[in-house]
């Protein structure tokens, strides 16, 4: 059984957080991670074109580093994982023929699946971490499922505080009380290779049914910080005090089951 992961990255947003994220998803049973690099300019039909992404202006874009320095760091991370991680240049309007980042994300996933053999796929972002309270990894989970009947398994999410370069993302425990994911845009799906619809959150298989997974079986932590587009970092932190008012250490417990501990991110 081979499981592959596709994601589109913006190097300034993701590079200094990628190593921990890659280690985590290899640990939970992903065999190959495909990184599609959307480049150093964000081209968005709604938020315009800029070095920073208008949807998340509050994020750290590490502007103290040059593009070359960011790219060298990214290449070093990818090389350290050898054949388990690939990096594809997928800039809007260049390698990707679409004219905005969201369409490039969707078309990139289809491009990736068509060119890389795998039994199962997951499309998940670098600020999202899959875990299970019941199983050690995705393969153990799939071994307990009726995959003749179900060809896709949709996971719910919990919203967590923003990533911090000074801390391990997996050590962050402040979160929302609500478990998201019943709606169309707040879930991700583990799906068989036979994909009919390449939707970011709810892709559809050509054959078989889609199962909504019990959160104890599989879920994911999303380190977005708040559902507040175009907010300042100060506003995000203010809202987080009321929106993210619970504590969840399930990721730390999950790591302990694997004999791992979280470690401080280094830049």
C-alpha atoms as a PDB file:
ATOM      1  CA  UNK A   1       0.000   0.000   0.000  1.00  0.00           C
ATOM      2  CA  UNK A   2       1.445   3.342  -1.074  1.00  0.00           C
ATOM      3  CA  UNK A   3       0.197   6.682   0.314  1.00  0.00           C
ATOM      4  CA  UNK A   4       1.210   9.998  -1.235  1.00  0.00           C
ATOM      5  CA  UNK A   5       0.707  13.598  -0.173  1.00  0.00           C
ATOM      6  CA  UNK A   6       0.372  16.651  -2.409  1.00  0.00           C
ATOM      7  CA  UNK A   7       0.639  20.260  -1.296  1.00  0.00           C
ATOM      8  CA  UNK A   8       1.233  23.645  -2.894  1.00  0.00           C
ATOM      9  CA  UNK A   9       3.665  25.873  -1.036  1.00  0.00           C
ATOM     10  CA  UNK A  10       4.634  29.532  -0.963  1.00  0.00           C
ATOM     11  CA  UNK A  11       8.339  29.447   0.011  1.00  0.00           C
ATOM     12  CA  UNK A  12       8.242  32.576   2.166  1.00  0.00           C
ATOM     13  CA  UNK A  13       5.321  31.233   4.170  1.00  0.00           C
ATOM     14  CA  UNK A  14       6.367  27.624   4.538  1.00  0.00           C
ATOM     15  CA  UNK A  15      10.102  26.978   4.237  1.00  0.00           C
ATOM     16  CA  UNK A  16      11.108  27.423   7.884  1.00  0.00           C
ATOM     17  CA  UNK A  17       8.212  25.237   9.054  1.00  0.00           C
ATOM     18  CA  UNK A  18       8.503  22.464   6.473  1.00  0.00           C
ATOM     19  CA  UNK A  19      11.021  20.134   8.086  1.00  0.00           C
ATOM     20  CA  UNK A  20       8.833  19.338  11.104  1.00  0.00           C
ATOM     21  CA  UNK A  21       5.733  19.023   8.912  1.00  0.00           C
ATOM     22  CA  UNK A  22       7.468  16.611   6.518  1.00  0.00           C
ATOM     23  CA  UNK A  23       8.875  14.514   9.379  1.00  0.00           C
ATOM     24  CA  UNK A  24       5.425  14.293  10.907  1.00  0.00           C
ATOM     25  CA  UNK A  25       3.616  13.059   7.826  1.00  0.00           C
ATOM     26  CA  UNK A  26       6.301  10.542   6.939  1.00  0.00           C
ATOM     27  CA  UNK A  27       5.973   9.298  10.536  1.00  0.00           C
ATOM     28  CA  UNK A  28       2.238   8.703  10.117  1.00  0.00           C
ATOM     29  CA  UNK A  29       2.649   6.544   7.029  1.00  0.00           C
ATOM     30  CA  UNK A  30       2.949   8.806   3.990  1.00  0.00           C
ATOM     31  CA  UNK A  31       5.457   7.286   1.558  1.00  0.00           C
ATOM     32  CA  UNK A  32       6.051  10.281  -0.712  1.00  0.00           C
ATOM     33  CA  UNK A  33       5.430  14.018  -0.299  1.00  0.00           C
ATOM     34  CA  UNK A  34       5.114  16.190  -3.409  1.00  0.00           C
ATOM     35  CA  UNK A  35       5.766  19.903  -2.867  1.00  0.00           C
ATOM     36  CA  UNK A  36       4.544  22.193  -5.666  1.00  0.00           C
ATOM     37  CA  UNK A  37       6.334  25.531  -5.349  1.00  0.00           C
ATOM     38  CA  UNK A  38       4.011  28.405  -6.313  1.00  0.00           C
ATOM     39  CA  UNK A  39       6.870  30.924  -6.282  1.00  0.00           C
ATOM     40  CA  UNK A  40       7.699  34.186  -4.572  1.00  0.00           C
ATOM     41  CA  UNK A  41       4.785  36.242  -5.914  1.00  0.00           C
ATOM     42  CA  UNK A  42       1.237  35.503  -4.775  1.00  0.00           C
ATOM     43  CA  UNK A  43      -1.184  35.923  -7.681  1.00  0.00           C
ATOM     44  CA  UNK A  44      -4.729  35.801  -6.351  1.00  0.00           C
ATOM     45  CA  UNK A  45      -7.950  36.696  -8.180  1.00  0.00           C
ATOM     46  CA  UNK A  46      -9.442  38.124  -4.983  1.00  0.00           C
ATOM     47  CA  UNK A  47      -6.423  39.567  -3.162  1.00  0.00           C
ATOM     48  CA  UNK A  48      -4.232  40.724  -6.049  1.00  0.00           C
ATOM     49  CA  UNK A  49      -0.528  40.208  -6.735  1.00  0.00           C
ATOM     50  CA  UNK A  50       2.087  40.747  -4.041  1.00  0.00           C
ATOM     51  CA  UNK A  51       5.086  39.256  -2.238  1.00  0.00           C
ATOM     52  CA  UNK A  52       2.686  38.617   0.652  1.00  0.00           C
ATOM     53  CA  UNK A  53      -0.638  36.836   0.279  1.00  0.00           C
ATOM     54  CA  UNK A  54      -3.558  39.204   0.809  1.00  0.00           C
ATOM     55  CA  UNK A  55      -5.601  36.443   2.443  1.00  0.00           C
ATOM     56  CA  UNK A  56      -3.028  36.101   5.239  1.00  0.00           C
ATOM     57  CA  UNK A  57      -1.253  39.444   5.641  1.00  0.00           C
ATOM     58  CA  UNK A  58      -0.583  38.724   9.316  1.00  0.00           C
ATOM     59  CA  UNK A  59       1.785  35.815   8.625  1.00  0.00           C
ATOM     60  CA  UNK A  60       5.580  35.944   8.897  1.00  0.00           C
ATOM     61  CA  UNK A  61       6.997  36.177   5.360  1.00  0.00           C
ATOM     62  CA  UNK A  62      10.647  36.305   6.517  1.00  0.00           C
ATOM     63  CA  UNK A  63      11.350  39.398   4.442  1.00  0.00           C
ATOM     64  CA  UNK A  64      14.776  39.699   6.080  1.00  0.00           C
ATOM     65  CA  UNK A  65      15.877  36.824   3.805  1.00  0.00           C
ATOM     66  CA  UNK A  66      16.491  37.097   0.066  1.00  0.00           C
ATOM     67  CA  UNK A  67      14.679  34.852  -2.402  1.00  0.00           C
ATOM     68  CA  UNK A  68      17.961  33.028  -3.013  1.00  0.00           C
ATOM     69  CA  UNK A  69      18.466  32.361   0.698  1.00  0.00           C
ATOM     70  CA  UNK A  70      14.911  31.057   1.069  1.00  0.00           C
ATOM     71  CA  UNK A  71      15.274  28.846  -2.002  1.00  0.00           C
ATOM     72  CA  UNK A  72      18.624  27.430  -0.869  1.00  0.00           C
ATOM     73  CA  UNK A  73      17.108  26.525   2.505  1.00  0.00           C
ATOM     74  CA  UNK A  74      14.124  24.894   0.813  1.00  0.00           C
ATOM     75  CA  UNK A  75      16.380  22.853  -1.488  1.00  0.00           C
ATOM     76  CA  UNK A  76      18.475  21.718   1.466  1.00  0.00           C
ATOM     77  CA  UNK A  77      15.373  20.510   3.331  1.00  0.00           C
ATOM     78  CA  UNK A  78      14.083  18.590   0.314  1.00  0.00           C
ATOM     79  CA  UNK A  79      17.511  17.021  -0.317  1.00  0.00           C
ATOM     80  CA  UNK A  80      17.747  15.858   3.294  1.00  0.00           C
ATOM     81  CA  UNK A  81      14.739  13.577   2.768  1.00  0.00           C
ATOM     82  CA  UNK A  82      16.187  12.085  -0.445  1.00  0.00           C
ATOM     83  CA  UNK A  83      13.561  10.270  -2.535  1.00  0.00           C
ATOM     84  CA  UNK A  84      10.765  10.703   0.038  1.00  0.00           C
ATOM     85  CA  UNK A  85      10.136  14.334  -0.942  1.00  0.00           C
ATOM     86  CA  UNK A  86       9.998  15.963  -4.381  1.00  0.00           C
ATOM     87  CA  UNK A  87       9.917  19.651  -5.327  1.00  0.00           C
ATOM     88  CA  UNK A  88       8.197  20.873  -8.485  1.00  0.00           C
ATOM     89  CA  UNK A  89       8.320  24.469  -9.735  1.00  0.00           C
ATOM     90  CA  UNK A  90       4.687  25.510 -10.228  1.00  0.00           C
ATOM     91  CA  UNK A  91       4.571  29.295 -10.566  1.00  0.00           C
ATOM     92  CA  UNK A  92       1.309  30.951 -11.546  1.00  0.00           C
ATOM     93  CA  UNK A  93       1.250  31.759 -15.254  1.00  0.00           C
ATOM     94  CA  UNK A  94       4.629  30.078 -15.864  1.00  0.00           C
ATOM     95  CA  UNK A  95       4.866  26.320 -15.184  1.00  0.00           C
ATOM     96  CA  UNK A  96       1.197  26.461 -14.200  1.00  0.00           C
ATOM     97  CA  UNK A  97      -0.888  27.831 -17.048  1.00  0.00           C
ATOM     98  CA  UNK A  98      -3.611  29.145 -14.738  1.00  0.00           C
ATOM     99  CA  UNK A  99      -3.715  32.825 -13.743  1.00  0.00           C
ATOM    100  CA  UNK A 100      -4.169  32.594  -9.950  1.00  0.00           C
ATOM    101  CA  UNK A 101      -2.824  30.582  -7.031  1.00  0.00           C
ATOM    102  CA  UNK A 102      -6.048  28.758  -6.149  1.00  0.00           C
ATOM    103  CA  UNK A 103      -6.518  27.354  -9.654  1.00  0.00           C
ATOM    104  CA  UNK A 104      -2.831  26.406  -9.696  1.00  0.00           C
ATOM    105  CA  UNK A 105      -3.362  24.538  -6.437  1.00  0.00           C
ATOM    106  CA  UNK A 106      -6.232  22.512  -7.898  1.00  0.00           C
ATOM    107  CA  UNK A 107      -4.614  21.875 -11.284  1.00  0.00           C
ATOM    108  CA  UNK A 108      -1.314  21.059  -9.574  1.00  0.00           C
ATOM    109  CA  UNK A 109      -2.934  18.277  -7.595  1.00  0.00           C
ATOM    110  CA  UNK A 110      -4.358  16.729 -10.745  1.00  0.00           C
ATOM    111  CA  UNK A 111      -0.995  17.140 -12.463  1.00  0.00           C
ATOM    112  CA  UNK A 112       0.718  15.391  -9.525  1.00  0.00           C
ATOM    113  CA  UNK A 113      -1.702  12.463  -9.280  1.00  0.00           C
ATOM    114  CA  UNK A 114      -1.590  11.766 -13.016  1.00  0.00           C
ATOM    115  CA  UNK A 115       2.221  11.583 -13.003  1.00  0.00           C
ATOM    116  CA  UNK A 116       2.948   9.678  -9.804  1.00  0.00           C
ATOM    117  CA  UNK A 117       1.686   6.169  -9.014  1.00  0.00           C
ATOM    118  CA  UNK A 118       0.077   5.727  -5.607  1.00  0.00           C
ATOM    119  CA  UNK A 119      -2.757   3.754  -4.031  1.00  0.00           C
ATOM    120  CA  UNK A 120      -3.993   6.612  -1.821  1.00  0.00           C
ATOM    121  CA  UNK A 121      -3.670  10.395  -1.837  1.00  0.00           C
ATOM    122  CA  UNK A 122      -4.089  13.206   0.647  1.00  0.00           C
ATOM    123  CA  UNK A 123      -4.102  16.931  -0.182  1.00  0.00           C
ATOM    124  CA  UNK A 124      -3.201  18.835   2.974  1.00  0.00           C
ATOM    125  CA  UNK A 125      -1.538  22.199   3.619  1.00  0.00           C
ATOM    126  CA  UNK A 126       1.765  22.781   5.480  1.00  0.00           C
ATOM    127  CA  UNK A 127      -0.054  24.399   8.402  1.00  0.00           C
ATOM    128  CA  UNK A 128      -2.173  21.244   8.889  1.00  0.00           C
ATOM    129  CA  UNK A 129      -1.108  18.127  10.811  1.00  0.00           C
ATOM    130  CA  UNK A 130      -2.926  14.775  10.650  1.00  0.00           C
ATOM    131  CA  UNK A 131      -3.121  12.641  13.794  1.00  0.00           C
ATOM    132  CA  UNK A 132      -5.122   9.838  15.378  1.00  0.00           C
ATOM    133  CA  UNK A 133      -6.137   9.079  18.945  1.00  0.00           C
ATOM    134  CA  UNK A 134      -6.733   5.438  18.030  1.00  0.00           C
ATOM    135  CA  UNK A 135      -4.250   4.409  15.340  1.00  0.00           C
ATOM    136  CA  UNK A 136      -0.493   4.793  14.968  1.00  0.00           C
ATOM    137  CA  UNK A 137      -0.623   5.727  11.291  1.00  0.00           C
ATOM    138  CA  UNK A 138      -2.719   6.007   8.156  1.00  0.00           C
ATOM    139  CA  UNK A 139      -1.944   2.488   6.997  1.00  0.00           C
ATOM    140  CA  UNK A 140      -3.143   0.981  10.258  1.00  0.00           C
ATOM    141  CA  UNK A 141      -6.315   3.039   9.926  1.00  0.00           C
ATOM    142  CA  UNK A 142      -6.915   1.889   6.332  1.00  0.00           C
ATOM    143  CA  UNK A 143      -6.326  -1.756   7.296  1.00  0.00           C
ATOM    144  CA  UNK A 144      -9.408  -1.556   9.559  1.00  0.00           C
ATOM    145  CA  UNK A 145     -11.692  -0.007   6.923  1.00  0.00           C
ATOM    146  CA  UNK A 146     -13.880  -1.601   4.272  1.00  0.00           C
ATOM    147  CA  UNK A 147     -12.003  -0.139   1.309  1.00  0.00           C
ATOM    148  CA  UNK A 148     -14.106  -2.175  -1.119  1.00  0.00           C
ATOM    149  CA  UNK A 149     -17.082  -0.057  -0.032  1.00  0.00           C
ATOM    150  CA  UNK A 150     -15.362   3.226   0.856  1.00  0.00           C
ATOM    151  CA  UNK A 151     -12.904   4.945  -1.484  1.00  0.00           C
ATOM    152  CA  UNK A 152     -12.506   8.215   0.443  1.00  0.00           C
ATOM    153  CA  UNK A 153     -12.295   9.152   4.125  1.00  0.00           C
ATOM    154  CA  UNK A 154     -13.052  12.727   5.120  1.00  0.00           C
ATOM    155  CA  UNK A 155     -11.423  14.159   8.257  1.00  0.00           C
ATOM    156  CA  UNK A 156     -12.566  16.984  10.484  1.00  0.00           C
ATOM    157  CA  UNK A 157     -10.294  19.668  11.888  1.00  0.00           C
ATOM    158  CA  UNK A 158      -9.669  21.745  14.981  1.00  0.00           C
ATOM    159  CA  UNK A 159      -8.367  25.285  14.621  1.00  0.00           C
ATOM    160  CA  UNK A 160      -5.135  25.983  16.546  1.00  0.00           C
ATOM    161  CA  UNK A 161      -2.981  29.001  17.274  1.00  0.00           C
ATOM    162  CA  UNK A 162      -0.524  30.266  14.656  1.00  0.00           C
ATOM    163  CA  UNK A 163       2.804  28.595  14.055  1.00  0.00           C
ATOM    164  CA  UNK A 164       5.791  30.252  15.739  1.00  0.00           C
ATOM    165  CA  UNK A 165       9.331  29.946  14.389  1.00  0.00           C
ATOM    166  CA  UNK A 166      10.636  29.757  17.971  1.00  0.00           C
ATOM    167  CA  UNK A 167       8.498  26.747  18.921  1.00  0.00           C
ATOM    168  CA  UNK A 168       7.644  23.317  17.611  1.00  0.00           C
ATOM    169  CA  UNK A 169       4.268  23.531  15.866  1.00  0.00           C
ATOM    170  CA  UNK A 170       3.301  20.167  17.318  1.00  0.00           C
ATOM    171  CA  UNK A 171       3.788  21.507  20.844  1.00  0.00           C
ATOM    172  CA  UNK A 172       1.099  24.196  20.442  1.00  0.00           C
ATOM    173  CA  UNK A 173      -2.050  23.307  22.371  1.00  0.00           C
ATOM    174  CA  UNK A 174      -4.283  26.411  22.380  1.00  0.00           C
ATOM    175  CA  UNK A 175      -7.275  25.782  20.122  1.00  0.00           C
ATOM    176  CA  UNK A 176     -10.946  26.402  19.450  1.00  0.00           C
ATOM    177  CA  UNK A 177     -13.558  24.466  21.384  1.00  0.00           C
ATOM    178  CA  UNK A 178     -15.434  23.563  18.212  1.00  0.00           C
ATOM    179  CA  UNK A 179     -14.399  20.624  16.055  1.00  0.00           C
ATOM    180  CA  UNK A 180     -14.789  21.858  12.476  1.00  0.00           C
ATOM    181  CA  UNK A 181     -15.253  19.839   9.336  1.00  0.00           C
ATOM    182  CA  UNK A 182     -18.881  19.027   8.629  1.00  0.00           C
ATOM    183  CA  UNK A 183     -19.068  21.846   6.100  1.00  0.00           C
ATOM    184  CA  UNK A 184     -17.603  21.940   2.625  1.00  0.00           C
ATOM    185  CA  UNK A 185     -14.447  23.922   3.321  1.00  0.00           C
ATOM    186  CA  UNK A 186     -13.256  22.726   6.734  1.00  0.00           C
ATOM    187  CA  UNK A 187     -12.134  19.183   6.134  1.00  0.00           C
ATOM    188  CA  UNK A 188      -9.581  17.155   4.171  1.00  0.00           C
ATOM    189  CA  UNK A 189      -9.901  13.746   2.571  1.00  0.00           C
ATOM    190  CA  UNK A 190      -7.782  10.623   2.223  1.00  0.00           C
ATOM    191  CA  UNK A 191      -8.829   9.232  -1.162  1.00  0.00           C
ATOM    192  CA  UNK A 192      -7.998   6.292  -3.407  1.00  0.00           C
ATOM    193  CA  UNK A 193      -6.060   6.894  -6.622  1.00  0.00           C
ATOM    194  CA  UNK A 194      -9.221   6.758  -8.785  1.00  0.00           C
ATOM    195  CA  UNK A 195     -10.275  10.414  -8.383  1.00  0.00           C
ATOM    196  CA  UNK A 196     -13.209  11.972 -10.235  1.00  0.00           C
ATOM    197  CA  UNK A 197     -13.242  15.474  -8.710  1.00  0.00           C
ATOM    198  CA  UNK A 198     -10.052  17.191  -7.481  1.00  0.00           C
ATOM    199  CA  UNK A 199     -11.645  19.417  -4.848  1.00  0.00           C
ATOM    200  CA  UNK A 200      -9.272  20.744  -2.150  1.00  0.00           C
ATOM    201  CA  UNK A 201     -11.412  19.573   0.770  1.00  0.00           C
ATOM    202  CA  UNK A 202     -13.960  17.087  -0.530  1.00  0.00           C
ATOM    203  CA  UNK A 203     -12.562  15.277  -3.585  1.00  0.00           C
ATOM    204  CA  UNK A 204     -14.795  12.595  -5.048  1.00  0.00           C
ATOM    205  CA  UNK A 205     -13.771   9.075  -6.095  1.00  0.00           C
ATOM    206  CA  UNK A 206     -14.949   7.624  -9.396  1.00  0.00           C
ATOM    207  CA  UNK A 207     -16.130   4.512  -7.578  1.00  0.00           C
ATOM    208  CA  UNK A 208     -17.097   3.756  -3.990  1.00  0.00           C
ATOM    209  CA  UNK A 209     -18.505   5.847  -1.163  1.00  0.00           C
ATOM    210  CA  UNK A 210     -17.125   8.668   0.972  1.00  0.00           C
ATOM    211  CA  UNK A 211     -17.014   8.112   4.741  1.00  0.00           C
ATOM    212  CA  UNK A 212     -16.944  10.903   7.342  1.00  0.00           C
ATOM    213  CA  UNK A 213     -14.330   9.687   9.815  1.00  0.00           C
ATOM    214  CA  UNK A 214     -14.728   9.634  13.587  1.00  0.00           C
ATOM    215  CA  UNK A 215     -12.313  12.288  14.957  1.00  0.00           C
ATOM    216  CA  UNK A 216     -10.743   9.742  17.298  1.00  0.00           C
ATOM    217  CA  UNK A 217      -9.812   7.700  14.224  1.00  0.00           C
ATOM    218  CA  UNK A 218      -8.388  10.548  12.133  1.00  0.00           C
ATOM    219  CA  UNK A 219      -8.457  14.321  12.299  1.00  0.00           C
ATOM    220  CA  UNK A 220      -6.110  17.228  11.685  1.00  0.00           C
ATOM    221  CA  UNK A 221      -4.901  20.309  13.520  1.00  0.00           C
ATOM    222  CA  UNK A 222      -4.999  23.513  11.474  1.00  0.00           C
ATOM    223  CA  UNK A 223      -2.607  26.255  12.601  1.00  0.00           C
ATOM    224  CA  UNK A 224      -4.372  29.130  10.960  1.00  0.00           C
ATOM    225  CA  UNK A 225      -5.037  31.112  14.131  1.00  0.00           C
ATOM    226  CA  UNK A 226      -8.419  32.605  13.235  1.00  0.00           C
ATOM    227  CA  UNK A 227     -11.059  32.716  10.497  1.00  0.00           C
ATOM    228  CA  UNK A 228     -10.227  36.361   9.896  1.00  0.00           C
ATOM    229  CA  UNK A 229      -9.075  37.189   6.382  1.00  0.00           C
ATOM    230  CA  UNK A 230      -7.040  40.366   5.901  1.00  0.00           C
ATOM    231  CA  UNK A 231      -6.614  40.928   9.655  1.00  0.00           C
ATOM    232  CA  UNK A 232      -3.425  42.322  11.158  1.00  0.00           C
ATOM    233  CA  UNK A 233      -1.316  40.118  13.427  1.00  0.00           C
ATOM    234  CA  UNK A 234      -2.440  42.243  16.388  1.00  0.00           C
ATOM    235  CA  UNK A 235      -6.096  41.656  15.495  1.00  0.00           C
ATOM    236  CA  UNK A 236      -5.515  37.927  15.034  1.00  0.00           C
ATOM    237  CA  UNK A 237      -3.956  37.685  18.501  1.00  0.00           C
ATOM    238  CA  UNK A 238      -6.839  39.660  20.028  1.00  0.00           C
ATOM    239  CA  UNK A 239      -9.442  37.406  18.426  1.00  0.00           C
ATOM    240  CA  UNK A 240      -7.503  34.281  19.335  1.00  0.00           C
ATOM    241  CA  UNK A 241      -7.873  35.057  23.039  1.00  0.00           C
ATOM    242  CA  UNK A 242     -11.629  34.463  22.767  1.00  0.00           C
ATOM    243  CA  UNK A 243     -11.830  32.113  19.769  1.00  0.00           C
ATOM    244  CA  UNK A 244      -9.010  29.793  20.841  1.00  0.00           C
ATOM    245  CA  UNK A 245      -9.908  29.302  24.465  1.00  0.00           C
ATOM    246  CA  UNK A 246      -9.414  25.540  24.877  1.00  0.00           C
ATOM    247  CA  UNK A 247      -6.376  23.311  25.379  1.00  0.00           C
ATOM    248  CA  UNK A 248      -5.810  20.106  23.421  1.00  0.00           C
ATOM    249  CA  UNK A 249      -2.661  18.020  23.965  1.00  0.00           C
ATOM    250  CA  UNK A 250      -3.717  15.109  21.719  1.00  0.00           C
ATOM    251  CA  UNK A 251      -0.800  15.780  19.364  1.00  0.00           C
ATOM    252  CA  UNK A 252       1.702  15.509  22.214  1.00  0.00           C
ATOM    253  CA  UNK A 253       0.094  12.240  23.310  1.00  0.00           C
ATOM    254  CA  UNK A 254       0.163  10.999  19.711  1.00  0.00           C
ATOM    255  CA  UNK A 255       3.889  11.725  19.482  1.00  0.00           C
ATOM    256  CA  UNK A 256       4.514   9.883  22.741  1.00  0.00           C
ATOM    257  CA  UNK A 257       2.866   6.776  21.260  1.00  0.00           C
ATOM    258  CA  UNK A 258       5.448   6.971  18.476  1.00  0.00           C
ATOM    259  CA  UNK A 259       8.296   7.480  20.911  1.00  0.00           C
ATOM    260  CA  UNK A 260       8.827  11.021  19.624  1.00  0.00           C
ATOM    261  CA  UNK A 261       8.926  14.392  21.297  1.00  0.00           C
ATOM    262  CA  UNK A 262       8.372  17.757  19.713  1.00  0.00           C
ATOM    263  CA  UNK A 263      11.447  19.866  19.103  1.00  0.00           C
ATOM    264  CA  UNK A 264      12.093  23.541  18.672  1.00  0.00           C
ATOM    265  CA  UNK A 265      12.047  24.828  15.096  1.00  0.00           C
ATOM    266  CA  UNK A 266      15.332  26.378  14.030  1.00  0.00           C
ATOM    267  CA  UNK A 267      15.859  28.998  11.328  1.00  0.00           C
END
